[in-house]
Amino acid sequence: MSTQWESLANEHILGIAPYEPGKPIEELEREFGIPDAIKLASNENPLPPSDRVQKAIVAALHHGNRYPDGSGFYLRQALAKKHGFAPENIVLGNGSNELIELFVRSFLRPGDEAVIPHPSFVVYPMIVQAAGGVRVMVMLRDHRLDLEAMARAITPTTKLVFVANPNNPTATIVTANEVEHFMARVPERTIVMFDEAYIEFALGPDFPETLQYVKHGRKVVVLRTFSKAASLAGLRVGYGVADADAIALTNRIRQPFNVNSLAQAAALAALEDEAHVMECVRMIEAGRHYLYDEFKNLGLSYVPSRANFILADVGRSAADIYQKLLHHGVIVRPMTPFGMETALRITVGTPEENRKLVKALRSVLGKKPA
């Protein structure tokens, strides 16, 4: 009798459901015979990388026969200067996902607890479980992270706390005052990971300056990415800021050449192109308000957003509406896996894409034009 693969596997991964990626645009067009489909499912930037970034990528192609700079020397130098740190405080990753895994693998021992908001980024519980950690799930309150409840959930065996700000999939934030009160209750032995993938869309006087906690010596990791506002989701480059000793420990298990040459060149150019980020932020802000008005006209409720996506309640089966929207060439993300049976997460697109979404929604919901 042959040995089954499952019996040989790490037992911690057996209960993890694989991540289900969205349907590619090309496959949707082929399957339904629909041209000009739009994808509003993955919280991507609808605008391509800037001209400056594209030129940097093309220039880097000439050195594609060489391995990337394994330390990300120039990008870490630029990020350190931008944020007022030493390069030793910066670690680069193949997107934020890899950085989350690096820190979990570096610091979470089997049996250690990790406090995780729910619903939030699906990667947190997956990686904690894969590392043999204990997931302590804390439900959101009014679509926002309940930092009071998360603080109460911390025990002597809590090693990590995840704070997604803005949160995915609700696009809400926790404020500077809330974070300050929360951090005052977090014991010194517990690491707080602030995941700020959407920070450019959320900035305002109420948004916390989490990097100050790193400067003050707290056990804090701040994660950011070039995937969203910088339009580099396809190149996968993010970075973490933390105490130099924490970074040094993650570098012990970080794979050599984990961020490719094109991604490093693109990110370095993107740092020098604030105009592109500002253009994207302005477009998303205008798009959010357009969609708010249209959702109201359609009788849909929604959660006010501080990111580049909106959580909308369609009042009926989200999975059914998702399938019907596919026939109109519109891809969104149903929130059924999160237990939100009537909610869709919809990325804010270009003005043209937003209009196409609204037209498709009006059709599948059986609403007459206003």
Protein backbone atom coordinates (compact mmCIF):
# COMPACT_ATOMS: atom_id res chain seq x y z
CA MET A 1 0.00 0.00 0.00
CA SER A 2 1.50 3.33 -1.07
CA THR A 3 2.08 6.14 1.39
CA GLN A 4 -0.31 9.05 0.88
CA TRP A 5 1.18 12.52 0.46
CA GLU A 6 -1.13 13.93 3.11
CA SER A 7 0.31 11.61 5.75
CA LEU A 8 3.77 13.04 5.03
CA ALA A 9 2.72 16.68 5.15
CA ASN A 10 3.33 19.18 7.92
CA GLU A 11 0.19 18.70 10.03
CA HIS A 12 -0.18 22.45 10.57
CA ILE A 13 -1.09 23.01 6.91
CA LEU A 14 -3.73 20.31 6.59
CA GLY A 15 -6.58 22.53 7.77
CA ILE A 16 -5.67 25.48 5.54
CA ALA A 17 -7.87 26.14 2.54
CA PRO A 18 -5.84 27.21 -0.52
CA TYR A 19 -6.14 30.85 -1.55
CA GLU A 20 -8.62 31.17 -4.40
CA PRO A 21 -7.42 33.74 -6.96
CA GLY A 22 -9.88 35.73 -9.01
CA LYS A 23 -10.75 34.94 -12.60
CA PRO A 24 -8.26 36.41 -15.13
CA ILE A 25 -9.72 38.97 -17.50
CA GLU A 26 -8.58 37.04 -20.57
CA GLU A 27 -10.27 33.85 -19.34
CA LEU A 28 -13.52 35.71 -18.66
CA GLU A 29 -13.49 37.21 -22.15
CA ARG A 30 -12.81 33.80 -23.70
CA GLU A 31 -15.39 31.96 -21.60
CA PHE A 32 -18.26 34.39 -22.12
CA GLY A 33 -17.23 35.88 -25.44
CA ILE A 34 -17.12 39.36 -23.91
CA PRO A 35 -14.65 42.04 -25.05
CA ASP A 36 -13.26 44.78 -22.82
CA ALA A 37 -13.90 43.08 -19.49
CA ILE A 38 -12.81 44.93 -16.35
CA LYS A 39 -11.34 43.55 -13.15
CA LEU A 40 -12.42 45.30 -9.95
CA ALA A 41 -11.71 42.38 -7.63
CA SER A 42 -8.12 42.59 -6.39
CA ASN A 43 -7.68 46.17 -5.12
CA GLU A 44 -5.19 46.95 -7.86
CA ASN A 45 -4.38 50.41 -9.13
CA PRO A 46 -6.31 50.90 -12.39
CA LEU A 47 -3.53 53.11 -13.78
CA PRO A 48 -0.33 51.60 -15.22
CA PRO A 49 3.10 52.45 -13.80
CA SER A 50 4.26 55.98 -14.62
CA ASP A 51 6.45 56.72 -17.62
CA ARG A 52 9.44 57.24 -15.32
CA VAL A 53 8.92 53.82 -13.77
CA GLN A 54 8.44 52.12 -17.14
CA LYS A 55 11.70 53.62 -18.42
CA ALA A 56 13.50 52.34 -15.32
CA ILE A 57 12.11 48.85 -15.91
CA VAL A 58 13.25 48.85 -19.55
CA ALA A 59 16.73 50.01 -18.53
CA ALA A 60 16.94 47.25 -15.92
CA LEU A 61 16.10 44.64 -18.56
CA HIS A 62 19.55 45.12 -20.07
CA HIS A 63 21.01 43.55 -16.93
CA GLY A 64 18.51 40.71 -16.77
CA ASN A 65 21.29 38.18 -17.17
CA ARG A 66 22.58 39.12 -13.70
CA TYR A 67 21.11 38.24 -10.33
CA PRO A 68 19.37 41.06 -8.47
CA ASP A 69 21.13 43.00 -5.75
CA GLY A 70 20.54 40.59 -2.89
CA SER A 71 20.54 43.33 -0.27
CA GLY A 72 18.41 45.83 -2.20
CA PHE A 73 21.13 48.34 -1.34
CA TYR A 74 19.92 51.39 -3.26
CA LEU A 75 16.22 50.86 -2.57
CA ARG A 76 16.81 50.39 1.15
CA GLN A 77 19.00 53.51 1.18
CA ALA A 78 16.23 55.52 -0.48
CA LEU A 79 13.53 54.17 1.82
CA ALA A 80 15.65 54.83 4.89
CA LYS A 81 16.19 58.43 3.80
CA LYS A 82 12.49 58.89 3.08
CA HIS A 83 11.39 57.69 6.50
CA GLY A 84 14.30 58.89 8.65
CA PHE A 85 15.81 55.51 9.49
CA ALA A 86 19.06 53.66 8.85
CA PRO A 87 19.08 51.08 6.03
CA GLU A 88 19.46 48.42 8.71
CA ASN A 89 15.89 49.18 9.76
CA ILE A 90 14.52 48.19 6.33
CA VAL A 91 13.83 44.75 4.87
CA LEU A 92 12.51 44.19 1.35
CA GLY A 93 10.03 41.53 0.39
CA ASN A 94 8.33 39.95 -2.59
CA GLY A 95 5.24 41.95 -1.71
CA SER A 96 3.91 42.34 1.82
CA ASN A 97 2.86 38.69 1.83
CA GLU A 98 6.44 37.48 2.00
CA LEU A 99 7.25 39.96 4.76
CA ILE A 100 4.33 38.75 6.86
CA GLU A 101 5.62 35.21 6.46
CA LEU A 102 9.20 36.24 7.26
CA PHE A 103 8.24 37.88 10.54
CA VAL A 104 5.89 35.07 11.53
CA ARG A 105 8.52 32.43 10.81
CA SER A 106 11.17 34.45 12.61
CA PHE A 107 9.28 35.06 15.85
CA LEU A 108 6.24 32.80 16.23
CA ARG A 109 6.98 29.48 17.89
CA PRO A 110 4.55 26.54 17.81
CA GLY A 111 1.95 27.18 20.49
CA ASP A 112 2.45 30.95 20.55
CA GLU A 113 -0.71 32.99 20.11
CA ALA A 114 -1.34 35.59 17.43
CA VAL A 115 -4.25 38.03 17.78
CA ILE A 116 -5.91 38.47 14.39
CA PRO A 117 -8.85 40.71 13.47
CA HIS A 118 -11.71 39.14 11.51
CA PRO A 119 -12.64 39.66 8.80
CA SER A 120 -9.27 40.90 7.64
CA PHE A 121 -6.45 39.93 5.30
CA VAL A 122 -6.71 36.17 4.69
CA VAL A 123 -2.94 35.70 4.78
CA TYR A 124 -2.66 36.37 8.54
CA PRO A 125 -4.43 33.24 9.82
CA MET A 126 -3.01 31.09 7.01
CA ILE A 127 0.61 31.85 7.87
CA VAL A 128 0.07 31.66 11.63
CA GLN A 129 -1.50 28.23 11.28
CA ALA A 130 1.24 27.06 8.92
CA ALA A 131 3.81 28.04 11.56
CA GLY A 132 2.00 26.07 14.28
CA GLY A 133 0.75 29.18 16.04
CA VAL A 134 -2.58 29.59 17.78
CA ARG A 135 -4.98 31.96 16.02
CA VAL A 136 -6.96 34.18 18.36
CA MET A 137 -9.63 35.74 16.16
CA VAL A 138 -11.24 39.00 17.27
CA MET A 139 -14.36 40.10 15.42
CA LEU A 140 -14.62 43.60 13.97
CA ARG A 141 -17.03 46.08 15.48
CA ASP A 142 -19.06 48.20 13.08
CA HIS A 143 -16.74 47.07 10.26
CA ARG A 144 -13.68 48.42 12.13
CA LEU A 145 -10.90 46.72 14.07
CA ASP A 146 -11.93 46.55 17.72
CA LEU A 147 -8.61 47.49 19.31
CA GLU A 148 -10.12 47.38 22.80
CA ALA A 149 -11.17 43.76 22.30
CA MET A 150 -7.85 42.94 20.67
CA ALA A 151 -5.97 44.36 23.67
CA ARG A 152 -8.13 42.26 26.01
CA ALA A 153 -7.31 39.17 23.93
CA ILE A 154 -3.57 39.49 24.63
CA THR A 155 -2.30 36.86 27.08
CA PRO A 156 1.16 35.91 28.39
CA THR A 157 1.53 33.60 25.35
CA THR A 158 0.62 36.24 22.75
CA LYS A 159 3.61 36.82 20.47
CA LEU A 160 2.03 38.77 17.60
CA VAL A 161 -0.87 41.13 16.98
CA PHE A 162 -1.92 42.05 13.43
CA VAL A 163 -3.34 45.51 12.78
CA ALA A 164 -4.44 46.03 9.17
CA ASN A 165 -4.86 49.75 8.71
CA PRO A 166 -6.78 50.37 6.49
CA ASN A 167 -8.39 46.99 6.92
CA ASN A 168 -9.10 44.64 4.05
CA PRO A 169 -11.95 43.92 3.16
CA THR A 170 -13.78 46.72 5.00
CA ALA A 171 -11.54 49.68 3.96
CA THR A 172 -11.88 51.23 7.42
CA ILE A 173 -9.14 52.63 9.65
CA VAL A 174 -8.30 52.82 13.33
CA THR A 175 -7.32 56.33 14.36
CA ALA A 176 -4.19 57.77 15.93
CA ASN A 177 -5.92 58.14 19.30
CA GLU A 178 -7.22 54.58 19.21
CA VAL A 179 -3.79 53.22 18.33
CA GLU A 180 -2.15 55.26 21.10
CA HIS A 181 -4.53 53.85 23.72
CA PHE A 182 -4.05 50.37 22.31
CA MET A 183 -0.25 50.54 22.34
CA ALA A 184 -0.33 51.69 25.97
CA ARG A 185 -1.93 48.32 26.82
CA VAL A 186 0.34 46.09 24.72
CA PRO A 187 3.02 44.38 26.83
CA GLU A 188 6.67 44.80 25.86
CA ARG A 189 7.03 41.13 24.89
CA THR A 190 4.29 41.30 22.20
CA ILE A 191 5.07 42.32 18.63
CA VAL A 192 2.53 44.52 16.86
CA MET A 193 2.52 44.34 13.07
CA PHE A 194 0.91 47.34 11.36
CA ASP A 195 0.02 46.40 7.80
CA GLU A 196 -0.39 49.67 5.91
CA ALA A 197 -0.70 48.53 2.30
CA TYR A 198 -3.32 51.20 1.51
CA ILE A 199 -1.84 54.07 3.53
CA GLU A 200 -1.58 56.53 0.63
CA PHE A 201 -5.36 56.48 0.21
CA ALA A 202 -6.01 56.88 3.95
CA LEU A 203 -3.70 59.67 5.07
CA GLY A 204 -5.24 62.44 7.13
CA PRO A 205 -4.89 64.09 10.55
CA ASP A 206 -6.56 61.11 12.22
CA PHE A 207 -4.27 58.47 10.71
CA PRO A 208 -1.61 57.11 13.13
CA GLU A 209 2.11 57.71 12.59
CA THR A 210 3.14 54.18 13.44
CA LEU A 211 6.79 54.62 12.49
CA GLN A 212 7.22 56.66 15.69
CA TYR A 213 6.78 53.45 17.70
CA VAL A 214 9.72 51.90 15.88
CA LYS A 215 11.82 55.01 16.59
CA HIS A 216 10.86 54.81 20.27
CA GLY A 217 12.06 51.24 20.53
CA ARG A 218 8.68 49.46 20.70
CA LYS A 219 8.27 45.91 19.40
CA VAL A 220 6.57 47.17 16.24
CA VAL A 221 6.82 46.20 12.57
CA VAL A 222 5.38 48.51 9.90
CA LEU A 223 4.66 46.99 6.48
CA ARG A 224 4.11 48.99 3.32
CA THR A 225 4.01 48.19 -0.37
CA PHE A 226 4.47 49.54 -3.87
CA SER A 227 1.60 47.37 -5.14
CA LYS A 228 -1.21 49.86 -4.64
CA ALA A 229 -0.64 53.61 -5.09
CA ALA A 230 2.58 53.09 -7.08
CA SER A 231 0.88 50.72 -9.58
CA LEU A 232 3.43 47.91 -9.13
CA ALA A 233 1.23 44.99 -8.04
CA GLY A 234 2.58 42.81 -10.84
CA LEU A 235 6.19 43.26 -9.76
CA ARG A 236 5.65 42.33 -6.09
CA VAL A 237 7.77 44.61 -3.93
CA GLY A 238 7.06 45.68 -0.37
CA TYR A 239 9.11 46.68 2.65
CA GLY A 240 9.12 46.41 6.40
CA VAL A 241 10.42 48.89 8.94
CA ALA A 242 11.46 47.66 12.38
CA ASP A 243 14.27 47.61 14.91
CA ALA A 244 17.58 46.68 13.31
CA ASP A 245 17.88 43.57 15.49
CA ALA A 246 14.47 42.34 14.28
CA ILE A 247 15.43 42.97 10.66
CA ALA A 248 18.72 41.11 11.14
CA LEU A 249 16.82 38.07 12.39
CA THR A 250 14.47 38.04 9.40
CA ASN A 251 17.47 38.29 7.09
CA ARG A 252 18.65 34.94 8.42
CA ILE A 253 15.76 33.21 6.67
CA ARG A 254 15.02 35.69 3.87
CA GLN A 255 15.77 34.01 0.56
CA PRO A 256 18.64 35.46 -1.51
CA PHE A 257 17.45 37.64 -4.41
CA ASN A 258 13.86 37.65 -3.10
CA VAL A 259 13.08 40.95 -4.87
CA ASN A 260 13.88 40.87 -8.56
CA SER A 261 15.89 43.49 -10.44
CA LEU A 262 12.94 44.97 -12.31
CA ALA A 263 10.96 45.39 -9.11
CA GLN A 264 13.85 47.12 -7.36
CA ALA A 265 14.43 49.50 -10.27
CA ALA A 266 10.71 50.24 -10.55
CA ALA A 267 10.29 50.89 -6.83
CA LEU A 268 13.31 53.18 -6.75
CA ALA A 269 11.89 55.21 -9.64
CA ALA A 270 8.43 55.23 -8.04
CA LEU A 271 9.85 56.80 -4.89
CA GLU A 272 10.96 59.74 -7.03
CA ASP A 273 7.60 60.08 -8.76
CA GLU A 274 5.21 61.45 -6.16
CA ALA A 275 3.14 63.09 -8.90
CA HIS A 276 1.94 59.66 -10.08
CA VAL A 277 0.87 58.68 -6.57
CA MET A 278 -0.96 61.98 -6.11
CA GLU A 279 -2.76 61.49 -9.44
CA CYS A 280 -3.86 58.00 -8.41
CA VAL A 281 -5.02 59.15 -4.97
CA ARG A 282 -7.08 61.99 -6.48
CA MET A 283 -8.65 59.68 -9.06
CA ILE A 284 -9.56 57.07 -6.42
CA GLU A 285 -11.01 59.75 -4.12
CA ALA A 286 -13.22 61.06 -6.93
CA GLY A 287 -14.18 57.51 -7.88
CA ARG A 288 -15.19 56.65 -4.33
CA HIS A 289 -17.60 59.57 -4.14
CA TYR A 290 -19.03 58.78 -7.57
CA LEU A 291 -19.69 55.19 -6.49
CA TYR A 292 -21.17 56.32 -3.16
CA ASP A 293 -23.74 58.40 -5.04
CA GLU A 294 -24.52 55.62 -7.50
CA PHE A 295 -24.82 52.99 -4.76
CA LYS A 296 -27.32 55.23 -3.00
CA ASN A 297 -29.30 55.55 -6.24
CA LEU A 298 -29.31 51.76 -6.51
CA GLY A 299 -30.46 51.38 -2.92
CA LEU A 300 -27.24 49.69 -1.82
CA SER A 301 -25.60 50.26 1.53
CA TYR A 302 -21.82 50.53 1.77
CA VAL A 303 -19.01 51.11 4.24
CA PRO A 304 -17.31 54.51 3.80
CA SER A 305 -13.83 53.74 2.50
CA ARG A 306 -10.33 54.95 3.32
CA ALA A 307 -8.75 52.72 0.68
CA ASN A 308 -9.06 52.06 -3.05
CA PHE A 309 -12.00 49.68 -2.67
CA ILE A 310 -15.48 49.71 -1.17
CA LEU A 311 -17.42 47.05 0.73
CA ALA A 312 -20.98 47.17 -0.59
CA ASP A 313 -24.06 45.24 0.53
CA VAL A 314 -26.23 44.18 -2.41
CA GLY A 315 -29.04 42.90 -0.18
CA ARG A 316 -29.12 39.44 -1.76
CA SER A 317 -26.71 36.61 -2.56
CA ALA A 318 -23.36 38.22 -3.35
CA ALA A 319 -22.21 35.01 -5.04
CA ASP A 320 -25.20 35.19 -7.38
CA ILE A 321 -24.62 38.87 -8.20
CA TYR A 322 -20.93 38.12 -8.80
CA GLN A 323 -21.81 35.44 -11.34
CA LYS A 324 -24.30 37.70 -13.12
CA LEU A 325 -21.78 40.55 -13.28
CA LEU A 326 -19.32 38.21 -15.02
CA HIS A 327 -21.76 38.02 -17.96
CA HIS A 328 -21.44 41.81 -18.22
CA GLY A 329 -17.65 41.64 -18.25
CA VAL A 330 -17.22 42.90 -14.68
CA ILE A 331 -15.17 40.99 -12.09
CA VAL A 332 -15.66 41.84 -8.40
CA ARG A 333 -15.01 39.87 -5.22
CA PRO A 334 -17.89 38.26 -3.30
CA MET A 335 -17.32 38.23 0.46
CA THR A 336 -19.04 34.89 1.03
CA PRO A 337 -15.81 33.25 2.32
CA PHE A 338 -15.79 35.84 5.12
CA GLY A 339 -19.35 34.99 6.14
CA MET A 340 -20.74 38.16 4.54
CA GLU A 341 -23.29 36.52 2.28
CA THR A 342 -24.64 39.72 0.71
CA ALA A 343 -21.42 41.78 0.45
CA LEU A 344 -19.16 42.53 -2.49
CA ARG A 345 -15.70 44.06 -2.30
CA ILE A 346 -15.37 46.38 -5.27
CA THR A 347 -12.15 48.04 -6.34
CA VAL A 348 -12.45 51.67 -7.43
CA GLY A 349 -11.47 51.83 -11.09
CA THR A 350 -11.01 54.50 -13.71
CA PRO A 351 -14.03 56.74 -14.38
CA GLU A 352 -14.89 54.59 -17.41
CA GLU A 353 -14.60 51.36 -15.42
CA ASN A 354 -16.74 52.77 -12.61
CA ARG A 355 -19.47 53.73 -15.07
CA LYS A 356 -19.39 50.24 -16.60
CA LEU A 357 -19.68 48.71 -13.13
CA VAL A 358 -22.70 50.86 -12.27
CA LYS A 359 -24.42 50.05 -15.56
CA ALA A 360 -23.85 46.32 -14.99
CA LEU A 361 -25.07 46.52 -11.38
CA ARG A 362 -28.20 48.36 -12.46
CA SER A 363 -28.92 45.62 -14.99
CA VAL A 364 -28.37 42.62 -12.72
CA LEU A 365 -30.26 44.22 -9.83
CA GLY A 366 -33.17 45.06 -12.10
CA LYS A 367 -32.98 48.79 -11.44
CA LYS A 368 -34.14 51.37 -13.97
CA PRO A 369 -31.77 54.22 -14.90
CA ALA A 370 -32.11 57.23 -12.62
